[in-house]
Amino acid sequence: MASATITVKKNELSKMAARFETQVSFMINHAAKKIVDEAKARAPVVSGNLRDGIHAQFFNRLHAIAFSAAGYSGFVEFDRETV
């Protein structure tokens, strides 16, 4: 069985926390953008309103959502014929 030892100095905990937050922030940002890109690629295009209304909103470094501004997007997403 593999094992590892990690030594952490107390005076470096704040630096580690800052680096960790930066990395998690990068991953959240990247994931939100990929979700938007994928949703836009899969969106059916008639007028382009549905596709163009898909965005990511970033609340802070650790919170983001992907959403569609088109009011009918839920009907398109959950239409049983397209599943």
PDB file of N, CA and C in Angstrom:
ATOM      1  N   MET A   1       0.849  -1.175   0.000  1.00  0.00           N
ATOM      2  CA  MET A   1       0.000   0.000   0.000  1.00  0.00           C
ATOM      3  C   MET A   1       0.890   1.232   0.000  1.00  0.00           C
ATOM      4  N   ALA A   2       0.578   2.202  -0.854  1.00  0.00           N
ATOM      5  CA  ALA A   2       1.355   3.444  -0.943  1.00  0.00           C
ATOM      6  C   ALA A   2       1.015   4.358   0.224  1.00  0.00           C
ATOM      7  N   SER A   3       2.000   5.124   0.626  1.00  0.00           N
ATOM      8  CA  SER A   3       1.758   6.098   1.693  1.00  0.00           C
ATOM      9  C   SER A   3       2.547   7.363   1.378  1.00  0.00           C
ATOM     10  N   ALA A   4       2.144   8.441   2.020  1.00  0.00           N
ATOM     11  CA  ALA A   4       2.815   9.718   1.816  1.00  0.00           C
ATOM     12  C   ALA A   4       2.841  10.469   3.131  1.00  0.00           C
ATOM     13  N   THR A   5       3.817  11.309   3.279  1.00  0.00           N
ATOM     14  CA  THR A   5       3.917  12.150   4.464  1.00  0.00           C
ATOM     15  C   THR A   5       3.918  13.602   4.024  1.00  0.00           C
ATOM     16  N   ILE A   6       3.092  14.393   4.651  1.00  0.00           N
ATOM     17  CA  ILE A   6       3.024  15.825   4.359  1.00  0.00           C
ATOM     18  C   ILE A   6       3.356  16.578   5.633  1.00  0.00           C
ATOM     19  N   THR A   7       4.293  17.491   5.530  1.00  0.00           N
ATOM     20  CA  THR A   7       4.656  18.319   6.671  1.00  0.00           C
ATOM     21  C   THR A   7       4.197  19.740   6.398  1.00  0.00           C
ATOM     22  N   VAL A   8       3.425  20.292   7.328  1.00  0.00           N
ATOM     23  CA  VAL A   8       2.903  21.648   7.174  1.00  0.00           C
ATOM     24  C   VAL A   8       3.392  22.484   8.341  1.00  0.00           C
ATOM     25  N   LYS A   9       3.986  23.600   8.002  1.00  0.00           N
ATOM     26  CA  LYS A   9       4.421  24.519   9.044  1.00  0.00           C
ATOM     27  C   LYS A   9       3.277  25.471   9.342  1.00  0.00           C
ATOM     28  N   LYS A  10       3.034  25.733  10.625  1.00  0.00           N
ATOM     29  CA  LYS A  10       1.911  26.585  11.012  1.00  0.00           C
ATOM     30  C   LYS A  10       1.962  27.945  10.346  1.00  0.00           C
ATOM     31  N   ASN A  11       3.134  28.501  10.183  1.00  0.00           N
ATOM     32  CA  ASN A  11       3.221  29.843   9.617  1.00  0.00           C
ATOM     33  C   ASN A  11       2.934  29.859   8.112  1.00  0.00           C
ATOM     34  N   GLU A  12       2.769  28.708   7.497  1.00  0.00           N
ATOM     35  CA  GLU A  12       2.478  28.654   6.070  1.00  0.00           C
ATOM     36  C   GLU A  12       1.029  28.275   5.774  1.00  0.00           C
ATOM     37  N   LEU A  13       0.217  28.094   6.799  1.00  0.00           N
ATOM     38  CA  LEU A  13      -1.173  27.692   6.583  1.00  0.00           C
ATOM     39  C   LEU A  13      -1.952  28.741   5.797  1.00  0.00           C
ATOM     40  N   SER A  14      -1.772  30.008   6.076  1.00  0.00           N
ATOM     41  CA  SER A  14      -2.522  31.040   5.363  1.00  0.00           C
ATOM     42  C   SER A  14      -2.114  31.080   3.891  1.00  0.00           C
ATOM     43  N   LYS A  15      -0.838  30.853   3.601  1.00  0.00           N
ATOM     44  CA  LYS A  15      -0.386  30.809   2.205  1.00  0.00           C
ATOM     45  C   LYS A  15      -1.023  29.624   1.485  1.00  0.00           C
ATOM     46  N   MET A  16      -1.068  28.486   2.171  1.00  0.00           N
ATOM     47  CA  MET A  16      -1.663  27.298   1.573  1.00  0.00           C
ATOM     48  C   MET A  16      -3.151  27.512   1.311  1.00  0.00           C
ATOM     49  N   ALA A  17      -3.842  28.120   2.249  1.00  0.00           N
ATOM     50  CA  ALA A  17      -5.272  28.374   2.080  1.00  0.00           C
ATOM     51  C   ALA A  17      -5.520  29.303   0.900  1.00  0.00           C
ATOM     52  N   ALA A  18      -4.702  30.318   0.752  1.00  0.00           N
ATOM     53  CA  ALA A  18      -4.850  31.256  -0.365  1.00  0.00           C
ATOM     54  C   ALA A  18      -4.607  30.561  -1.697  1.00  0.00           C
ATOM     55  N   ARG A  19      -3.592  29.721  -1.757  1.00  0.00           N
ATOM     56  CA  ARG A  19      -3.318  28.985  -2.996  1.00  0.00           C
ATOM     57  C   ARG A  19      -4.445  28.010  -3.315  1.00  0.00           C
ATOM     58  N   PHE A  20      -4.955  27.352  -2.283  1.00  0.00           N
ATOM     59  CA  PHE A  20      -6.056  26.413  -2.474  1.00  0.00           C
ATOM     60  C   PHE A  20      -7.279  27.146  -3.020  1.00  0.00           C
ATOM     61  N   GLU A  21      -7.611  28.287  -2.429  1.00  0.00           N
ATOM     62  CA  GLU A  21      -8.763  29.065  -2.886  1.00  0.00           C
ATOM     63  C   GLU A  21      -8.568  29.523  -4.332  1.00  0.00           C
ATOM     64  N   THR A  22      -7.371  29.921  -4.684  1.00  0.00           N
ATOM     65  CA  THR A  22      -7.084  30.342  -6.051  1.00  0.00           C
ATOM     66  C   THR A  22      -7.296  29.191  -7.023  1.00  0.00           C
ATOM     67  N   GLN A  23      -6.821  28.015  -6.674  1.00  0.00           N
ATOM     68  CA  GLN A  23      -6.982  26.851  -7.548  1.00  0.00           C
ATOM     69  C   GLN A  23      -8.443  26.446  -7.680  1.00  0.00           C
ATOM     70  N   VAL A  24      -9.178  26.443  -6.580  1.00  0.00           N
ATOM     71  CA  VAL A  24     -10.604  26.094  -6.628  1.00  0.00           C
ATOM     72  C   VAL A  24     -11.356  27.141  -7.453  1.00  0.00           C
ATOM     73  N   SER A  25     -11.025  28.396  -7.280  1.00  0.00           N
ATOM     74  CA  SER A  25     -11.646  29.461  -8.058  1.00  0.00           C
ATOM     75  C   SER A  25     -11.415  29.255  -9.548  1.00  0.00           C
ATOM     76  N   PHE A  26     -10.194  28.899  -9.918  1.00  0.00           N
ATOM     77  CA  PHE A  26      -9.878  28.631 -11.314  1.00  0.00           C
ATOM     78  C   PHE A  26     -10.724  27.487 -11.841  1.00  0.00           C
ATOM     79  N   MET A  27     -10.869  26.416 -11.053  1.00  0.00           N
ATOM     80  CA  MET A  27     -11.644  25.256 -11.494  1.00  0.00           C
ATOM     81  C   MET A  27     -13.118  25.609 -11.656  1.00  0.00           C
ATOM     82  N   ILE A  28     -13.670  26.399 -10.732  1.00  0.00           N
ATOM     83  CA  ILE A  28     -15.073  26.805 -10.830  1.00  0.00           C
ATOM     84  C   ILE A  28     -15.276  27.668 -12.070  1.00  0.00           C
ATOM     85  N   ASN A  29     -14.394  28.603 -12.292  1.00  0.00           N
ATOM     86  CA  ASN A  29     -14.468  29.482 -13.455  1.00  0.00           C
ATOM     87  C   ASN A  29     -14.403  28.672 -14.745  1.00  0.00           C
ATOM     88  N   HIS A  30     -13.455  27.772 -14.808  1.00  0.00           N
ATOM     89  CA  HIS A  30     -13.275  26.932 -15.993  1.00  0.00           C
ATOM     90  C   HIS A  30     -14.501  26.045 -16.214  1.00  0.00           C
ATOM     91  N   ALA A  31     -15.015  25.440 -15.152  1.00  0.00           N
ATOM     92  CA  ALA A  31     -16.173  24.552 -15.278  1.00  0.00           C
ATOM     93  C   ALA A  31     -17.404  25.322 -15.746  1.00  0.00           C
ATOM     94  N   ALA A  32     -17.637  26.500 -15.197  1.00  0.00           N
ATOM     95  CA  ALA A  32     -18.800  27.297 -15.601  1.00  0.00           C
ATOM     96  C   ALA A  32     -18.712  27.663 -17.079  1.00  0.00           C
ATOM     97  N   LYS A  33     -17.540  28.037 -17.529  1.00  0.00           N
ATOM     98  CA  LYS A  33     -17.370  28.393 -18.944  1.00  0.00           C
ATOM     99  C   LYS A  33     -17.565  27.177 -19.848  1.00  0.00           C
ATOM    100  N   LYS A  34     -17.086  26.020 -19.426  1.00  0.00           N
ATOM    101  CA  LYS A  34     -17.261  24.798 -20.229  1.00  0.00           C
ATOM    102  C   LYS A  34     -18.735  24.399 -20.291  1.00  0.00           C
ATOM    103  N   ILE A  35     -19.445  24.567 -19.189  1.00  0.00           N
ATOM    104  CA  ILE A  35     -20.881  24.254 -19.163  1.00  0.00           C
ATOM    105  C   ILE A  35     -21.621  25.158 -20.145  1.00  0.00           C
ATOM    106  N   VAL A  36     -21.298  26.448 -20.132  1.00  0.00           N
ATOM    107  CA  VAL A  36     -21.928  27.391 -21.055  1.00  0.00           C
ATOM    108  C   VAL A  36     -21.600  27.018 -22.502  1.00  0.00           C
ATOM    109  N   ASP A  37     -20.355  26.732 -22.779  1.00  0.00           N
ATOM    110  CA  ASP A  37     -19.961  26.351 -24.138  1.00  0.00           C
ATOM    111  C   ASP A  37     -20.701  25.101 -24.610  1.00  0.00           C
ATOM    112  N   GLU A  38     -20.803  24.108 -23.744  1.00  0.00           N
ATOM    113  CA  GLU A  38     -21.487  22.864 -24.095  1.00  0.00           C
ATOM    114  C   GLU A  38     -22.984  23.098 -24.298  1.00  0.00           C
ATOM    115  N   ALA A  39     -23.587  23.893 -23.423  1.00  0.00           N
ATOM    116  CA  ALA A  39     -25.019  24.184 -23.549  1.00  0.00           C
ATOM    117  C   ALA A  39     -25.299  24.940 -24.843  1.00  0.00           C
ATOM    118  N   LYS A  40     -24.440  25.897 -25.186  1.00  0.00           N
ATOM    119  CA  LYS A  40     -24.620  26.645 -26.440  1.00  0.00           C
ATOM    120  C   LYS A  40     -24.461  25.729 -27.653  1.00  0.00           C
ATOM    121  N   ALA A  41     -23.519  24.797 -27.571  1.00  0.00           N
ATOM    122  CA  ALA A  41     -23.301  23.877 -28.684  1.00  0.00           C
ATOM    123  C   ALA A  41     -24.493  22.938 -28.881  1.00  0.00           C
ATOM    124  N   ARG A  42     -25.182  22.590 -27.800  1.00  0.00           N
ATOM    125  CA  ARG A  42     -26.310  21.656 -27.881  1.00  0.00           C
ATOM    126  C   ARG A  42     -27.650  22.346 -28.110  1.00  0.00           C
ATOM    127  N   ALA A  43     -27.710  23.645 -27.936  1.00  0.00           N
ATOM    128  CA  ALA A  43     -28.978  24.373 -28.045  1.00  0.00           C
ATOM    129  C   ALA A  43     -29.471  24.357 -29.495  1.00  0.00           C
ATOM    130  N   PRO A  44     -30.741  24.011 -29.684  1.00  0.00           N
ATOM    131  CA  PRO A  44     -31.295  24.098 -31.034  1.00  0.00           C
ATOM    132  C   PRO A  44     -31.395  25.570 -31.435  1.00  0.00           C
ATOM    133  N   VAL A  45     -31.095  25.854 -32.703  1.00  0.00           N
ATOM    134  CA  VAL A  45     -31.082  27.245 -33.145  1.00  0.00           C
ATOM    135  C   VAL A  45     -32.165  27.469 -34.195  1.00  0.00           C
ATOM    136  N   VAL A  46     -33.122  28.317 -33.841  1.00  0.00           N
ATOM    137  CA  VAL A  46     -34.110  28.793 -34.801  1.00  0.00           C
ATOM    138  C   VAL A  46     -33.836  30.278 -35.021  1.00  0.00           C
ATOM    139  N   SER A  47     -33.996  31.054 -33.945  1.00  0.00           N
ATOM    140  CA  SER A  47     -33.701  32.493 -34.032  1.00  0.00           C
ATOM    141  C   SER A  47     -32.339  32.826 -33.428  1.00  0.00           C
ATOM    142  N   GLY A  48     -31.782  31.905 -32.626  1.00  0.00           N
ATOM    143  CA  GLY A  48     -30.524  32.157 -31.927  1.00  0.00           C
ATOM    144  C   GLY A  48     -30.730  32.729 -30.538  1.00  0.00           C
ATOM    145  N   ASN A  49     -31.982  33.045 -30.196  1.00  0.00           N
ATOM    146  CA  ASN A  49     -32.263  33.645 -28.888  1.00  0.00           C
ATOM    147  C   ASN A  49     -31.907  32.708 -27.741  1.00  0.00           C
ATOM    148  N   LEU A  50     -32.245  31.443 -27.883  1.00  0.00           N
ATOM    149  CA  LEU A  50     -31.960  30.471 -26.818  1.00  0.00           C
ATOM    150  C   LEU A  50     -30.456  30.336 -26.619  1.00  0.00           C
ATOM    151  N   ARG A  51     -29.736  30.091 -27.693  1.00  0.00           N
ATOM    152  CA  ARG A  51     -28.283  29.927 -27.616  1.00  0.00           C
ATOM    153  C   ARG A  51     -27.603  31.195 -27.084  1.00  0.00           C
ATOM    154  N   ASP A  52     -28.013  32.339 -27.583  1.00  0.00           N
ATOM    155  CA  ASP A  52     -27.367  33.593 -27.189  1.00  0.00           C
ATOM    156  C   ASP A  52     -27.705  34.019 -25.758  1.00  0.00           C
ATOM    157  N   GLY A  53     -28.758  33.407 -25.190  1.00  0.00           N
ATOM    158  CA  GLY A  53     -29.146  33.758 -23.828  1.00  0.00           C
ATOM    159  C   GLY A  53     -28.491  32.901 -22.755  1.00  0.00           C
ATOM    160  N   ILE A  54     -27.621  32.001 -23.140  1.00  0.00           N
ATOM    161  CA  ILE A  54     -26.950  31.122 -22.171  1.00  0.00           C
ATOM    162  C   ILE A  54     -25.681  31.808 -21.682  1.00  0.00           C
ATOM    163  N   HIS A  55     -25.584  31.956 -20.363  1.00  0.00           N
ATOM    164  CA  HIS A  55     -24.468  32.690 -19.764  1.00  0.00           C
ATOM    165  C   HIS A  55     -24.036  32.044 -18.449  1.00  0.00           C
ATOM    166  N   ALA A  56     -22.882  32.473 -17.972  1.00  0.00           N
ATOM    167  CA  ALA A  56     -22.430  32.122 -16.619  1.00  0.00           C
ATOM    168  C   ALA A  56     -22.415  33.409 -15.814  1.00  0.00           C
ATOM    169  N   GLN A  57     -22.805  33.297 -14.561  1.00  0.00           N
ATOM    170  CA  GLN A  57     -22.744  34.450 -13.664  1.00  0.00           C
ATOM    171  C   GLN A  57     -21.854  34.068 -12.494  1.00  0.00           C
ATOM    172  N   PHE A  58     -20.906  34.922 -12.207  1.00  0.00           N
ATOM    173  CA  PHE A  58     -19.954  34.687 -11.130  1.00  0.00           C
ATOM    174  C   PHE A  58     -20.287  35.616  -9.974  1.00  0.00           C
ATOM    175  N   PHE A  59     -20.633  35.032  -8.824  1.00  0.00           N
ATOM    176  CA  PHE A  59     -21.017  35.827  -7.661  1.00  0.00           C
ATOM    177  C   PHE A  59     -19.793  36.260  -6.868  1.00  0.00           C
ATOM    178  N   ASN A  60     -18.846  35.377  -6.760  1.00  0.00           N
ATOM    179  CA  ASN A  60     -17.549  35.677  -6.147  1.00  0.00           C
ATOM    180  C   ASN A  60     -16.600  34.592  -6.633  1.00  0.00           C
ATOM    181  N   ARG A  61     -15.453  34.513  -6.059  1.00  0.00           N
ATOM    182  CA  ARG A  61     -14.449  33.565  -6.558  1.00  0.00           C
ATOM    183  C   ARG A  61     -14.879  32.107  -6.447  1.00  0.00           C
ATOM    184  N   LEU A  62     -15.813  31.814  -5.553  1.00  0.00           N
ATOM    185  CA  LEU A  62     -16.160  30.420  -5.299  1.00  0.00           C
ATOM    186  C   LEU A  62     -17.603  30.068  -5.634  1.00  0.00           C
ATOM    187  N   HIS A  63     -18.333  30.984  -6.255  1.00  0.00           N
ATOM    188  CA  HIS A  63     -19.739  30.729  -6.571  1.00  0.00           C
ATOM    189  C   HIS A  63     -20.055  31.201  -7.985  1.00  0.00           C
ATOM    190  N   ALA A  64     -20.594  30.280  -8.793  1.00  0.00           N
ATOM    191  CA  ALA A  64     -20.979  30.609 -10.156  1.00  0.00           C
ATOM    192  C   ALA A  64     -22.188  29.768 -10.548  1.00  0.00           C
ATOM    193  N   ILE A  65     -22.973  30.296 -11.471  1.00  0.00           N
ATOM    194  CA  ILE A  65     -24.080  29.528 -12.032  1.00  0.00           C
ATOM    195  C   ILE A  65     -24.062  29.691 -13.545  1.00  0.00           C
ATOM    196  N   ALA A  66     -24.586  28.691 -14.223  1.00  0.00           N
ATOM    197  CA  ALA A  66     -24.825  28.789 -15.655  1.00  0.00           C
ATOM    198  C   ALA A  66     -26.342  28.842 -15.808  1.00  0.00           C
ATOM    199  N   PHE A  67     -26.827  29.725 -16.685  1.00  0.00           N
ATOM    200  CA  PHE A  67     -28.268  29.902 -16.814  1.00  0.00           C
ATOM    201  C   PHE A  67     -28.618  30.321 -18.235  1.00  0.00           C
ATOM    202  N   SER A  68     -29.902  30.238 -18.539  1.00  0.00           N
ATOM    203  CA  SER A  68     -30.412  30.726 -19.809  1.00  0.00           C
ATOM    204  C   SER A  68     -31.397  31.845 -19.523  1.00  0.00           C
ATOM    205  N   ALA A  69     -31.243  32.953 -20.224  1.00  0.00           N
ATOM    206  CA  ALA A  69     -32.130  34.096 -20.052  1.00  0.00           C
ATOM    207  C   ALA A  69     -33.420  33.927 -20.855  1.00  0.00           C
ATOM    208  N   ALA A  70     -33.455  32.967 -21.763  1.00  0.00           N
ATOM    209  CA  ALA A  70     -34.669  32.747 -22.556  1.00  0.00           C
ATOM    210  C   ALA A  70     -35.739  32.125 -21.664  1.00  0.00           C
ATOM    211  N   GLY A  71     -36.874  32.748 -21.585  1.00  0.00           N
ATOM    212  CA  GLY A  71     -37.942  32.288 -20.699  1.00  0.00           C
ATOM    213  C   GLY A  71     -38.459  30.896 -21.019  1.00  0.00           C
ATOM    214  N   TYR A  72     -38.296  30.452 -22.234  1.00  0.00           N
ATOM    215  CA  TYR A  72     -38.801  29.149 -22.662  1.00  0.00           C
ATOM    216  C   TYR A  72     -37.736  28.055 -22.617  1.00  0.00           C
ATOM    217  N   SER A  73     -36.570  28.357 -22.096  1.00  0.00           N
ATOM    218  CA  SER A  73     -35.467  27.387 -22.127  1.00  0.00           C
ATOM    219  C   SER A  73     -35.788  26.096 -21.380  1.00  0.00           C
ATOM    220  N   GLY A  74     -36.540  26.172 -20.295  1.00  0.00           N
ATOM    221  CA  GLY A  74     -36.921  24.966 -19.560  1.00  0.00           C
ATOM    222  C   GLY A  74     -37.771  24.023 -20.390  1.00  0.00           C
ATOM    223  N   PHE A  75     -38.633  24.598 -21.222  1.00  0.00           N
ATOM    224  CA  PHE A  75     -39.469  23.763 -22.089  1.00  0.00           C
ATOM    225  C   PHE A  75     -38.608  23.034 -23.125  1.00  0.00           C
ATOM    226  N   VAL A  76     -37.596  23.701 -23.618  1.00  0.00           N
ATOM    227  CA  VAL A  76     -36.692  23.073 -24.589  1.00  0.00           C
ATOM    228  C   VAL A  76     -35.844  22.013 -23.891  1.00  0.00           C
ATOM    229  N   GLU A  77     -35.328  22.340 -22.715  1.00  0.00           N
ATOM    230  CA  GLU A  77     -34.455  21.423 -21.976  1.00  0.00           C
ATOM    231  C   GLU A  77     -35.171  20.148 -21.590  1.00  0.00           C
ATOM    232  N   PHE A  78     -36.420  20.270 -21.161  1.00  0.00           N
ATOM    233  CA  PHE A  78     -37.133  19.117 -20.609  1.00  0.00           C
ATOM    234  C   PHE A  78     -38.210  18.560 -21.539  1.00  0.00           C
ATOM    235  N   ASP A  79     -38.169  18.921 -22.822  1.00  0.00           N
ATOM    236  CA  ASP A  79     -39.078  18.366 -23.819  1.00  0.00           C
ATOM    237  C   ASP A  79     -38.751  16.891 -23.987  1.00  0.00           C
ATOM    238  N   ARG A  80     -39.694  16.022 -23.715  1.00  0.00           N
ATOM    239  CA  ARG A  80     -39.450  14.575 -23.736  1.00  0.00           C
ATOM    240  C   ARG A  80     -39.050  14.067 -25.114  1.00  0.00           C
ATOM    241  N   GLU A  81     -39.436  14.728 -26.161  1.00  0.00           N
ATOM    242  CA  GLU A  81     -39.091  14.260 -27.502  1.00  0.00           C
ATOM    243  C   GLU A  81     -37.619  14.467 -27.815  1.00  0.00           C
ATOM    244  N   THR A  82     -36.961  15.414 -27.146  1.00  0.00           N
ATOM    245  CA  THR A  82     -35.547  15.686 -27.435  1.00  0.00           C
ATOM    246  C   THR A  82     -34.628  14.888 -26.538  1.00  0.00           C
ATOM    247  N   VAL A  83     -35.189  14.164 -25.571  1.00  0.00           N
ATOM    248  CA  VAL A  83     -34.351  13.393 -24.632  1.00  0.00           C
ATOM    249  C   VAL A  83     -33.982  12.073 -25.239  1.00  0.00           C
TER     250      VAL A  83
END
